[in-house]
Amino acid sequence: IGDDVFYDRLLEVIASLVEADAFSLVRYSSSGAPDLI
């Protein structure tokens, strides 16, 4: 919490729950285009 790798760690939580082929973080905005994080 508070570190740059926080959302990488949240993706690890998802990975511990389901089997998948890729994990990512996308910033979806109500005003603009999506952003890759």
Full PDB file with SEQRES, HELIX, SHEET, SSBOND, CRYST1, ORIGX, SCALE, CONECT and MASTER records, all heavy atoms in Angstrom:
SEQRES   1 A   37  ILE GLY ASP ASP VAL PHE TYR ASP ARG LEU LEU GLU VAL          
SEQRES   2 A   37  ILE ALA SER LEU VAL GLU ALA ASP ALA PHE SER LEU VAL          
SEQRES   3 A   37  ARG TYR SER SER SER GLY ALA PRO ASP LEU ILE                  
HELIX    1 AA1 PHE A    6  ALA A   15  1                                  10    
SHEET    1 AA1 2 VAL A  26  ARG A  27  0                                        
SHEET    2 AA1 2 ASP A  35  LEU A  36 -1                                        
CRYST1    1.000    1.000    1.000  90.00  90.00  90.00 P 1           1          
ORIGX1      1.000000  0.000000  0.000000        0.00000                         
ORIGX2      0.000000  1.000000  0.000000        0.00000                         
ORIGX3      0.000000  0.000000  1.000000        0.00000                         
SCALE1      1.000000  0.000000  0.000000        0.00000                         
SCALE2      0.000000  1.000000  0.000000        0.00000                         
SCALE3      0.000000  0.000000  1.000000        0.00000                         
ATOM      1  N   ILE A   1       0.845  -1.199   0.000  1.00  0.00           N  
ATOM      2  CA  ILE A   1       0.000   0.000   0.000  1.00  0.00           C  
ATOM      3  C   ILE A   1       0.884   1.255   0.000  1.00  0.00           C  
ATOM      4  O   ILE A   1       1.795   1.384   0.811  1.00  0.00           O  
ATOM      5  CB  ILE A   1      -0.946   0.003   1.216  1.00  0.00           C  
ATOM      6  CG1 ILE A   1      -2.045  -1.042   1.019  1.00  0.00           C  
ATOM      7  CG2 ILE A   1      -1.556   1.381   1.445  1.00  0.00           C  
ATOM      8  CD1 ILE A   1      -2.942  -1.226   2.214  1.00  0.00           C  
ATOM      9  N   GLY A   2       0.612   2.154  -0.939  1.00  0.00           N  
ATOM     10  CA  GLY A   2       1.384   3.386  -1.064  1.00  0.00           C  
ATOM     11  C   GLY A   2       2.593   3.267  -1.962  1.00  0.00           C  
ATOM     12  O   GLY A   2       3.240   4.275  -2.263  1.00  0.00           O  
ATOM     13  N   ASP A   3       2.918   2.044  -2.435  1.00  0.00           N  
ATOM     14  CA  ASP A   3       4.097   1.827  -3.283  1.00  0.00           C  
ATOM     15  C   ASP A   3       3.696   1.703  -4.754  1.00  0.00           C  
ATOM     16  O   ASP A   3       2.543   1.432  -5.094  1.00  0.00           O  
ATOM     17  CB  ASP A   3       4.838   0.557  -2.862  1.00  0.00           C  
ATOM     18  CG  ASP A   3       5.469   0.682  -1.484  1.00  0.00           C  
ATOM     19  OD1 ASP A   3       5.651   1.829  -1.040  1.00  0.00           O  
ATOM     20  OD2 ASP A   3       5.762  -0.359  -0.866  1.00  0.00           O  
ATOM     21  N   ASP A   4       4.687   1.858  -5.631  1.00  0.00           N  
ATOM     22  CA  ASP A   4       4.437   1.772  -7.073  1.00  0.00           C  
ATOM     23  C   ASP A   4       3.943   0.398  -7.510  1.00  0.00           C  
ATOM     24  O   ASP A   4       3.273   0.283  -8.538  1.00  0.00           O  
ATOM     25  CB  ASP A   4       5.709   2.105  -7.853  1.00  0.00           C  
ATOM     26  CG  ASP A   4       6.090   3.571  -7.741  1.00  0.00           C  
ATOM     27  OD1 ASP A   4       5.219   4.370  -7.359  1.00  0.00           O  
ATOM     28  OD2 ASP A   4       7.252   3.909  -8.035  1.00  0.00           O  
ATOM     29  N   VAL A   5       4.290  -0.649  -6.764  1.00  0.00           N  
ATOM     30  CA  VAL A   5       3.933  -2.011  -7.179  1.00  0.00           C  
ATOM     31  C   VAL A   5       2.596  -2.460  -6.598  1.00  0.00           C  
ATOM     32  O   VAL A   5       2.239  -3.633  -6.724  1.00  0.00           O  
ATOM     33  CB  VAL A   5       5.028  -3.013  -6.756  1.00  0.00           C  
ATOM     34  CG1 VAL A   5       6.339  -2.684  -7.444  1.00  0.00           C  
ATOM     35  CG2 VAL A   5       5.194  -3.035  -5.236  1.00  0.00           C  
ATOM     36  N   PHE A   6       1.844  -1.553  -6.006  1.00  0.00           N  
ATOM     37  CA  PHE A   6       0.619  -1.963  -5.327  1.00  0.00           C  
ATOM     38  C   PHE A   6      -0.339  -2.694  -6.270  1.00  0.00           C  
ATOM     39  O   PHE A   6      -0.863  -3.762  -5.929  1.00  0.00           O  
ATOM     40  CB  PHE A   6      -0.098  -0.753  -4.721  1.00  0.00           C  
ATOM     41  CG  PHE A   6      -1.479  -1.077  -4.206  1.00  0.00           C  
ATOM     42  CD1 PHE A   6      -1.639  -1.806  -3.030  1.00  0.00           C  
ATOM     43  CD2 PHE A   6      -2.609  -0.695  -4.913  1.00  0.00           C  
ATOM     44  CE1 PHE A   6      -2.905  -2.137  -2.570  1.00  0.00           C  
ATOM     45  CE2 PHE A   6      -3.874  -1.013  -4.450  1.00  0.00           C  
ATOM     46  CZ  PHE A   6      -4.023  -1.736  -3.276  1.00  0.00           C  
ATOM     47  N   TYR A   7      -0.590  -2.142  -7.452  1.00  0.00           N  
ATOM     48  CA  TYR A   7      -1.570  -2.773  -8.342  1.00  0.00           C  
ATOM     49  C   TYR A   7      -1.030  -4.063  -8.957  1.00  0.00           C  
ATOM     50  O   TYR A   7      -1.808  -4.959  -9.302  1.00  0.00           O  
ATOM     51  CB  TYR A   7      -2.033  -1.790  -9.412  1.00  0.00           C  
ATOM     52  CG  TYR A   7      -2.899  -0.697  -8.822  1.00  0.00           C  
ATOM     53  CD1 TYR A   7      -2.397   0.586  -8.620  1.00  0.00           C  
ATOM     54  CD2 TYR A   7      -4.208  -0.963  -8.422  1.00  0.00           C  
ATOM     55  CE1 TYR A   7      -3.184   1.577  -8.051  1.00  0.00           C  
ATOM     56  CE2 TYR A   7      -4.997   0.028  -7.847  1.00  0.00           C  
ATOM     57  CZ  TYR A   7      -4.478   1.289  -7.665  1.00  0.00           C  
ATOM     58  OH  TYR A   7      -5.252   2.268  -7.090  1.00  0.00           O  
ATOM     59  N   ASP A   8       0.290  -4.185  -9.069  1.00  0.00           N  
ATOM     60  CA  ASP A   8       0.859  -5.480  -9.446  1.00  0.00           C  
ATOM     61  C   ASP A   8       0.474  -6.530  -8.404  1.00  0.00           C  
ATOM     62  O   ASP A   8       0.149  -7.673  -8.741  1.00  0.00           O  
ATOM     63  CB  ASP A   8       2.382  -5.393  -9.540  1.00  0.00           C  
ATOM     64  CG  ASP A   8       2.853  -4.423 -10.611  1.00  0.00           C  
ATOM     65  OD1 ASP A   8       2.906  -3.215 -10.323  1.00  0.00           O  
ATOM     66  OD2 ASP A   8       3.164  -4.879 -11.719  1.00  0.00           O  
ATOM     67  N   ARG A   9       0.507  -6.120  -7.143  1.00  0.00           N  
ATOM     68  CA  ARG A   9       0.160  -7.041  -6.057  1.00  0.00           C  
ATOM     69  C   ARG A   9      -1.336  -7.373  -6.062  1.00  0.00           C  
ATOM     70  O   ARG A   9      -1.732  -8.506  -5.763  1.00  0.00           O  
ATOM     71  CB  ARG A   9       0.563  -6.445  -4.709  1.00  0.00           C  
ATOM     72  CG  ARG A   9       2.063  -6.217  -4.556  1.00  0.00           C  
ATOM     73  CD  ARG A   9       2.815  -7.529  -4.532  1.00  0.00           C  
ATOM     74  NE  ARG A   9       4.258  -7.309  -4.453  1.00  0.00           N  
ATOM     75  CZ  ARG A   9       5.084  -7.386  -5.502  1.00  0.00           C  
ATOM     76  NH1 ARG A   9       4.607  -7.703  -6.691  1.00  0.00           N  
ATOM     77  NH2 ARG A   9       6.369  -7.157  -5.351  1.00  0.00           N  
ATOM     78  N   LEU A  10      -2.179  -6.392  -6.423  1.00  0.00           N  
ATOM     79  CA  LEU A  10      -3.609  -6.696  -6.516  1.00  0.00           C  
ATOM     80  C   LEU A  10      -3.872  -7.717  -7.620  1.00  0.00           C  
ATOM     81  O   LEU A  10      -4.746  -8.586  -7.483  1.00  0.00           O  
ATOM     82  CB  LEU A  10      -4.415  -5.430  -6.792  1.00  0.00           C  
ATOM     83  CG  LEU A  10      -4.841  -4.559  -5.616  1.00  0.00           C  
ATOM     84  CD1 LEU A  10      -5.916  -3.574  -6.056  1.00  0.00           C  
ATOM     85  CD2 LEU A  10      -5.332  -5.379  -4.419  1.00  0.00           C  
ATOM     86  N   LEU A  11      -3.120  -7.619  -8.703  1.00  0.00           N  
ATOM     87  CA  LEU A  11      -3.271  -8.607  -9.767  1.00  0.00           C  
ATOM     88  C   LEU A  11      -2.834  -9.988  -9.307  1.00  0.00           C  
ATOM     89  O   LEU A  11      -3.373 -11.002  -9.754  1.00  0.00           O  
ATOM     90  CB  LEU A  11      -2.464  -8.167 -10.996  1.00  0.00           C  
ATOM     91  CG  LEU A  11      -3.020  -6.941 -11.738  1.00  0.00           C  
ATOM     92  CD1 LEU A  11      -2.040  -6.470 -12.805  1.00  0.00           C  
ATOM     93  CD2 LEU A  11      -4.374  -7.249 -12.361  1.00  0.00           C  
ATOM     94  N   GLU A  12      -1.874 -10.038  -8.399  1.00  0.00           N  
ATOM     95  CA  GLU A  12      -1.481 -11.324  -7.823  1.00  0.00           C  
ATOM     96  C   GLU A  12      -2.636 -11.936  -7.031  1.00  0.00           C  
ATOM     97  O   GLU A  12      -2.816 -13.157  -7.018  1.00  0.00           O  
ATOM     98  CB  GLU A  12      -0.268 -11.148  -6.912  1.00  0.00           C  
ATOM     99  CG  GLU A  12       1.028 -10.853  -7.646  1.00  0.00           C  
ATOM    100  CD  GLU A  12       2.200 -10.701  -6.689  1.00  0.00           C  
ATOM    101  OE1 GLU A  12       1.978 -10.688  -5.455  1.00  0.00           O  
ATOM    102  OE2 GLU A  12       3.347 -10.592  -7.164  1.00  0.00           O  
ATOM    103  N   VAL A  13      -3.415 -11.075  -6.377  1.00  0.00           N  
ATOM    104  CA  VAL A  13      -4.580 -11.578  -5.635  1.00  0.00           C  
ATOM    105  C   VAL A  13      -5.560 -12.235  -6.603  1.00  0.00           C  
ATOM    106  O   VAL A  13      -6.068 -13.331  -6.350  1.00  0.00           O  
ATOM    107  CB  VAL A  13      -5.278 -10.434  -4.870  1.00  0.00           C  
ATOM    108  CG1 VAL A  13      -6.558 -10.947  -4.202  1.00  0.00           C  
ATOM    109  CG2 VAL A  13      -4.348  -9.835  -3.828  1.00  0.00           C  
ATOM    110  N   ILE A  14      -5.833 -11.577  -7.742  1.00  0.00           N  
ATOM    111  CA  ILE A  14      -6.723 -12.155  -8.745  1.00  0.00           C  
ATOM    112  C   ILE A  14      -6.159 -13.476  -9.265  1.00  0.00           C  
ATOM    113  O   ILE A  14      -6.882 -14.456  -9.441  1.00  0.00           O  
ATOM    114  CB  ILE A  14      -6.923 -11.180  -9.923  1.00  0.00           C  
ATOM    115  CG1 ILE A  14      -7.549  -9.869  -9.447  1.00  0.00           C  
ATOM    116  CG2 ILE A  14      -7.787 -11.822 -10.997  1.00  0.00           C  
ATOM    117  CD1 ILE A  14      -8.966  -9.998  -8.975  1.00  0.00           C  
ATOM    118  N   ALA A  15      -4.834 -13.503  -9.477  1.00  0.00           N  
ATOM    119  CA  ALA A  15      -4.193 -14.719  -9.995  1.00  0.00           C  
ATOM    120  C   ALA A  15      -4.302 -15.880  -9.026  1.00  0.00           C  
ATOM    121  O   ALA A  15      -4.258 -17.040  -9.431  1.00  0.00           O  
ATOM    122  CB  ALA A  15      -2.732 -14.427 -10.329  1.00  0.00           C  
ATOM    123  N   SER A  16      -4.432 -15.576  -7.741  1.00  0.00           N  
ATOM    124  CA  SER A  16      -4.571 -16.650  -6.757  1.00  0.00           C  
ATOM    125  C   SER A  16      -5.980 -17.229  -6.751  1.00  0.00           C  
ATOM    126  O   SER A  16      -6.212 -18.285  -6.155  1.00  0.00           O  
ATOM    127  CB  SER A  16      -4.235 -16.118  -5.356  1.00  0.00           C  
ATOM    128  OG  SER A  16      -5.277 -15.292  -4.846  1.00  0.00           O  
ATOM    129  N   LEU A  17      -6.912 -16.558  -7.437  1.00  0.00           N  
ATOM    130  CA  LEU A  17      -8.318 -16.968  -7.399  1.00  0.00           C  
ATOM    131  C   LEU A  17      -8.764 -17.726  -8.636  1.00  0.00           C  
ATOM    132  O   LEU A  17      -9.584 -18.634  -8.547  1.00  0.00           O  
ATOM    133  CB  LEU A  17      -9.212 -15.735  -7.221  1.00  0.00           C  
ATOM    134  CG  LEU A  17      -9.024 -14.939  -5.937  1.00  0.00           C  
ATOM    135  CD1 LEU A  17      -9.864 -13.669  -5.979  1.00  0.00           C  
ATOM    136  CD2 LEU A  17      -9.403 -15.791  -4.727  1.00  0.00           C  
ATOM    137  N   VAL A  18      -8.264 -17.326  -9.828  1.00  0.00           N  
ATOM    138  CA  VAL A  18      -8.698 -17.966 -11.070  1.00  0.00           C  
ATOM    139  C   VAL A  18      -7.498 -18.228 -11.969  1.00  0.00           C  
ATOM    140  O   VAL A  18      -6.495 -17.517 -11.916  1.00  0.00           O  
ATOM    141  CB  VAL A  18      -9.718 -17.089 -11.839  1.00  0.00           C  
ATOM    142  CG1 VAL A  18     -10.991 -16.902 -11.027  1.00  0.00           C  
ATOM    143  CG2 VAL A  18      -9.112 -15.749 -12.221  1.00  0.00           C  
ATOM    144  N   GLU A  19      -7.627 -19.249 -12.801  1.00  0.00           N  
ATOM    145  CA  GLU A  19      -6.582 -19.534 -13.791  1.00  0.00           C  
ATOM    146  C   GLU A  19      -6.821 -18.645 -15.001  1.00  0.00           C  
ATOM    147  O   GLU A  19      -7.940 -18.559 -15.518  1.00  0.00           O  
ATOM    148  CB  GLU A  19      -6.635 -20.996 -14.212  1.00  0.00           C  
ATOM    149  CG  GLU A  19      -5.564 -21.369 -15.224  1.00  0.00           C  
ATOM    150  CD  GLU A  19      -5.624 -22.826 -15.621  1.00  0.00           C  
ATOM    151  OE1 GLU A  19      -6.380 -23.584 -14.974  1.00  0.00           O  
ATOM    152  OE2 GLU A  19      -4.924 -23.192 -16.580  1.00  0.00           O  
ATOM    153  N   ALA A  20      -5.791 -17.958 -15.463  1.00  0.00           N  
ATOM    154  CA  ALA A  20      -5.924 -17.050 -16.599  1.00  0.00           C  
ATOM    155  C   ALA A  20      -4.614 -16.991 -17.359  1.00  0.00           C  
ATOM    156  O   ALA A  20      -3.596 -17.529 -16.920  1.00  0.00           O  
ATOM    157  CB  ALA A  20      -6.338 -15.666 -16.126  1.00  0.00           C  
ATOM    158  N   ASP A  21      -4.651 -16.329 -18.521  1.00  0.00           N  
ATOM    159  CA  ASP A  21      -3.487 -16.253 -19.390  1.00  0.00           C  
ATOM    160  C   ASP A  21      -2.768 -14.912 -19.338  1.00  0.00           C  
ATOM    161  O   ASP A  21      -1.619 -14.810 -19.767  1.00  0.00           O  
ATOM    162  CB  ASP A  21      -3.903 -16.533 -20.834  1.00  0.00           C  
ATOM    163  CG  ASP A  21      -4.455 -17.939 -20.987  1.00  0.00           C  
ATOM    164  OD1 ASP A  21      -3.800 -18.870 -20.484  1.00  0.00           O  
ATOM    165  OD2 ASP A  21      -5.526 -18.113 -21.587  1.00  0.00           O  
ATOM    166  N   ALA A  22      -3.427 -13.878 -18.871  1.00  0.00           N  
ATOM    167  CA  ALA A  22      -2.787 -12.569 -18.772  1.00  0.00           C  
ATOM    168  C   ALA A  22      -3.536 -11.716 -17.766  1.00  0.00           C  
ATOM    169  O   ALA A  22      -4.750 -11.876 -17.572  1.00  0.00           O  
ATOM    170  CB  ALA A  22      -2.753 -11.869 -20.128  1.00  0.00           C  
ATOM    171  N   PHE A  23      -2.799 -10.830 -17.110  1.00  0.00           N  
ATOM    172  CA  PHE A  23      -3.362  -9.937 -16.099  1.00  0.00           C  
ATOM    173  C   PHE A  23      -2.881  -8.522 -16.393  1.00  0.00           C  
ATOM    174  O   PHE A  23      -1.732  -8.320 -16.767  1.00  0.00           O  
ATOM    175  CB  PHE A  23      -2.912 -10.350 -14.683  1.00  0.00           C  
ATOM    176  CG  PHE A  23      -3.303 -11.753 -14.315  1.00  0.00           C  
ATOM    177  CD1 PHE A  23      -2.513 -12.831 -14.695  1.00  0.00           C  
ATOM    178  CD2 PHE A  23      -4.444 -11.990 -13.595  1.00  0.00           C  
ATOM    179  CE1 PHE A  23      -2.871 -14.118 -14.365  1.00  0.00           C  
ATOM    180  CE2 PHE A  23      -4.813 -13.281 -13.248  1.00  0.00           C  
ATOM    181  CZ  PHE A  23      -4.020 -14.349 -13.637  1.00  0.00           C  
ATOM    182  N   SER A  24      -3.767  -7.553 -16.249  1.00  0.00           N  
ATOM    183  CA  SER A  24      -3.370  -6.182 -16.567  1.00  0.00           C  
ATOM    184  C   SER A  24      -4.205  -5.192 -15.778  1.00  0.00           C  
ATOM    185  O   SER A  24      -5.205  -5.542 -15.149  1.00  0.00           O  
ATOM    186  CB  SER A  24      -3.516  -5.920 -18.072  1.00  0.00           C  
ATOM    187  OG  SER A  24      -4.797  -6.309 -18.519  1.00  0.00           O  
ATOM    188  N   LEU A  25      -3.760  -3.937 -15.801  1.00  0.00           N  
ATOM    189  CA  LEU A  25      -4.470  -2.846 -15.151  1.00  0.00           C  
ATOM    190  C   LEU A  25      -4.747  -1.786 -16.197  1.00  0.00           C  
ATOM    191  O   LEU A  25      -3.830  -1.303 -16.866  1.00  0.00           O  
ATOM    192  CB  LEU A  25      -3.635  -2.246 -14.013  1.00  0.00           C  
ATOM    193  CG  LEU A  25      -4.284  -1.063 -13.293  1.00  0.00           C  
ATOM    194  CD1 LEU A  25      -5.444  -1.520 -12.414  1.00  0.00           C  
ATOM    195  CD2 LEU A  25      -3.254  -0.318 -12.452  1.00  0.00           C  
ATOM    196  N   VAL A  26      -6.023  -1.434 -16.365  1.00  0.00           N  
ATOM    197  CA  VAL A  26      -6.446  -0.433 -17.334  1.00  0.00           C  
ATOM    198  C   VAL A  26      -7.192   0.662 -16.594  1.00  0.00           C  
ATOM    199  O   VAL A  26      -8.013   0.387 -15.711  1.00  0.00           O  
ATOM    200  CB  VAL A  26      -7.369  -1.031 -18.413  1.00  0.00           C  
ATOM    201  CG1 VAL A  26      -7.743   0.018 -19.449  1.00  0.00           C  
ATOM    202  CG2 VAL A  26      -6.709  -2.216 -19.074  1.00  0.00           C  
ATOM    203  N   ARG A  27      -6.904   1.879 -16.953  1.00  0.00           N  
ATOM    204  CA  ARG A  27      -7.609   3.012 -16.359  1.00  0.00           C  
ATOM    205  C   ARG A  27      -8.722   3.430 -17.307  1.00  0.00           C  
ATOM    206  O   ARG A  27      -8.493   4.002 -18.359  1.00  0.00           O  
ATOM    207  CB  ARG A  27      -6.639   4.176 -16.143  1.00  0.00           C  
ATOM    208  CG  ARG A  27      -7.259   5.408 -15.539  1.00  0.00           C  
ATOM    209  CD  ARG A  27      -6.189   6.485 -15.410  1.00  0.00           C  
ATOM    210  NE  ARG A  27      -6.763   7.737 -14.973  1.00  0.00           N  
ATOM    211  CZ  ARG A  27      -7.363   8.605 -15.792  1.00  0.00           C  
ATOM    212  NH1 ARG A  27      -7.463   8.321 -17.076  1.00  0.00           N  
ATOM    213  NH2 ARG A  27      -7.873   9.723 -15.331  1.00  0.00           N  
ATOM    214  N   TYR A  28      -9.971   3.078 -16.943  1.00  0.00           N  
ATOM    215  CA  TYR A  28     -11.132   3.449 -17.743  1.00  0.00           C  
ATOM    216  C   TYR A  28     -11.682   4.771 -17.231  1.00  0.00           C  
ATOM    217  O   TYR A  28     -12.002   4.906 -16.048  1.00  0.00           O  
ATOM    218  CB  TYR A  28     -12.212   2.373 -17.682  1.00  0.00           C  
ATOM    219  CG  TYR A  28     -11.903   1.184 -18.563  1.00  0.00           C  
ATOM    220  CD1 TYR A  28     -11.499  -0.034 -18.015  1.00  0.00           C  
ATOM    221  CD2 TYR A  28     -12.016   1.278 -19.950  1.00  0.00           C  
ATOM    222  CE1 TYR A  28     -11.216  -1.123 -18.829  1.00  0.00           C  
ATOM    223  CE2 TYR A  28     -11.728   0.196 -20.762  1.00  0.00           C  
ATOM    224  CZ  TYR A  28     -11.339  -0.995 -20.207  1.00  0.00           C  
ATOM    225  OH  TYR A  28     -11.050  -2.058 -21.018  1.00  0.00           O  
ATOM    226  N   SER A  29     -11.817   5.742 -18.141  1.00  0.00           N  
ATOM    227  CA  SER A  29     -12.234   7.087 -17.779  1.00  0.00           C  
ATOM    228  C   SER A  29     -13.622   7.389 -18.314  1.00  0.00           C  
ATOM    229  O   SER A  29     -14.006   6.905 -19.383  1.00  0.00           O  
ATOM    230  CB  SER A  29     -11.239   8.117 -18.329  1.00  0.00           C  
ATOM    231  OG  SER A  29     -11.735   9.422 -18.188  1.00  0.00           O  
ATOM    232  N   SER A  30     -14.368   8.204 -17.579  1.00  0.00           N  
ATOM    233  CA  SER A  30     -15.682   8.634 -18.044  1.00  0.00           C  
ATOM    234  C   SER A  30     -15.572   9.750 -19.069  1.00  0.00           C  
ATOM    235  O   SER A  30     -16.563  10.092 -19.714  1.00  0.00           O  
ATOM    236  CB  SER A  30     -16.528   9.107 -16.857  1.00  0.00           C  
ATOM    237  OG  SER A  30     -15.888  10.184 -16.191  1.00  0.00           O  
ATOM    238  N   SER A  31     -14.378  10.327 -19.232  1.00  0.00           N  
ATOM    239  CA  SER A  31     -14.212  11.483 -20.110  1.00  0.00           C  
ATOM    240  C   SER A  31     -13.272  11.256 -21.284  1.00  0.00           C  
ATOM    241  O   SER A  31     -13.328  11.997 -22.257  1.00  0.00           O  
ATOM    242  CB  SER A  31     -13.693  12.677 -19.303  1.00  0.00           C  
ATOM    243  OG  SER A  31     -14.556  12.999 -18.240  1.00  0.00           O  
ATOM    244  N   GLY A  32     -12.396  10.267 -21.211  1.00  0.00           N  
ATOM    245  CA  GLY A  32     -11.410  10.086 -22.264  1.00  0.00           C  
ATOM    246  C   GLY A  32     -11.215   8.631 -22.628  1.00  0.00           C  
ATOM    247  O   GLY A  32     -11.981   7.752 -22.217  1.00  0.00           O  
ATOM    248  N   ALA A  33     -10.189   8.373 -23.425  1.00  0.00           N  
ATOM    249  CA  ALA A  33      -9.870   7.020 -23.862  1.00  0.00           C  
ATOM    250  C   ALA A  33      -9.229   6.229 -22.729  1.00  0.00           C  
ATOM    251  O   ALA A  33      -8.660   6.803 -21.803  1.00  0.00           O  
ATOM    252  CB  ALA A  33      -8.934   7.079 -25.059  1.00  0.00           C  
ATOM    253  N   PRO A  34      -9.299   4.893 -22.783  1.00  0.00           N  
ATOM    254  CA  PRO A  34      -8.646   4.066 -21.761  1.00  0.00           C  
ATOM    255  C   PRO A  34      -7.133   4.214 -21.800  1.00  0.00           C  
ATOM    256  O   PRO A  34      -6.555   4.555 -22.827  1.00  0.00           O  
ATOM    257  CB  PRO A  34      -9.065   2.637 -22.143  1.00  0.00           C  
ATOM    258  CG  PRO A  34     -10.273   2.798 -22.996  1.00  0.00           C  
ATOM    259  CD  PRO A  34     -10.065   4.085 -23.747  1.00  0.00           C  
ATOM    260  N   ASP A  35      -6.495   3.940 -20.655  1.00  0.00           N  
ATOM    261  CA  ASP A  35      -5.038   4.004 -20.540  1.00  0.00           C  
ATOM    262  C   ASP A  35      -4.504   2.694 -19.995  1.00  0.00           C  
ATOM    263  O   ASP A  35      -5.048   2.132 -19.048  1.00  0.00           O  
ATOM    264  CB  ASP A  35      -4.600   5.116 -19.591  1.00  0.00           C  
ATOM    265  CG  ASP A  35      -4.766   6.489 -20.200  1.00  0.00           C  
ATOM    266  OD1 ASP A  35      -4.235   6.713 -21.302  1.00  0.00           O  
ATOM    267  OD2 ASP A  35      -5.433   7.333 -19.585  1.00  0.00           O  
ATOM    268  N   LEU A  36      -3.409   2.231 -20.590  1.00  0.00           N  
ATOM    269  CA  LEU A  36      -2.686   1.089 -20.056  1.00  0.00           C  
ATOM    270  C   LEU A  36      -1.828   1.532 -18.878  1.00  0.00           C  
ATOM    271  O   LEU A  36      -1.119   2.524 -18.969  1.00  0.00           O  
ATOM    272  CB  LEU A  36      -1.786   0.492 -21.134  1.00  0.00           C  
ATOM    273  CG  LEU A  36      -0.785  -0.550 -20.643  1.00  0.00           C  
ATOM    274  CD1 LEU A  36      -1.479  -1.849 -20.328  1.00  0.00           C  
ATOM    275  CD2 LEU A  36       0.306  -0.751 -21.674  1.00  0.00           C  
ATOM    276  N   ILE A  37      -1.900   0.817 -17.786  1.00  0.00           N  
ATOM    277  CA  ILE A  37      -1.020   1.073 -16.645  1.00  0.00           C  
ATOM    278  C   ILE A  37      -0.054  -0.101 -16.479  1.00  0.00           C  
ATOM    279  O   ILE A  37       1.151   0.071 -16.351  1.00  0.00           O  
ATOM    280  CB  ILE A  37      -1.824   1.277 -15.346  1.00  0.00           C  
ATOM    281  CG1 ILE A  37      -2.907   2.344 -15.542  1.00  0.00           C  
ATOM    282  CG2 ILE A  37      -0.889   1.668 -14.209  1.00  0.00           C  
ATOM    283  CD1 ILE A  37      -2.388   3.700 -15.929  1.00  0.00           C  
TER     284      ILE A  37                                                      
MASTER        0    0    0    1    2    0    0    6  283    1    0    3          
END                                                                             
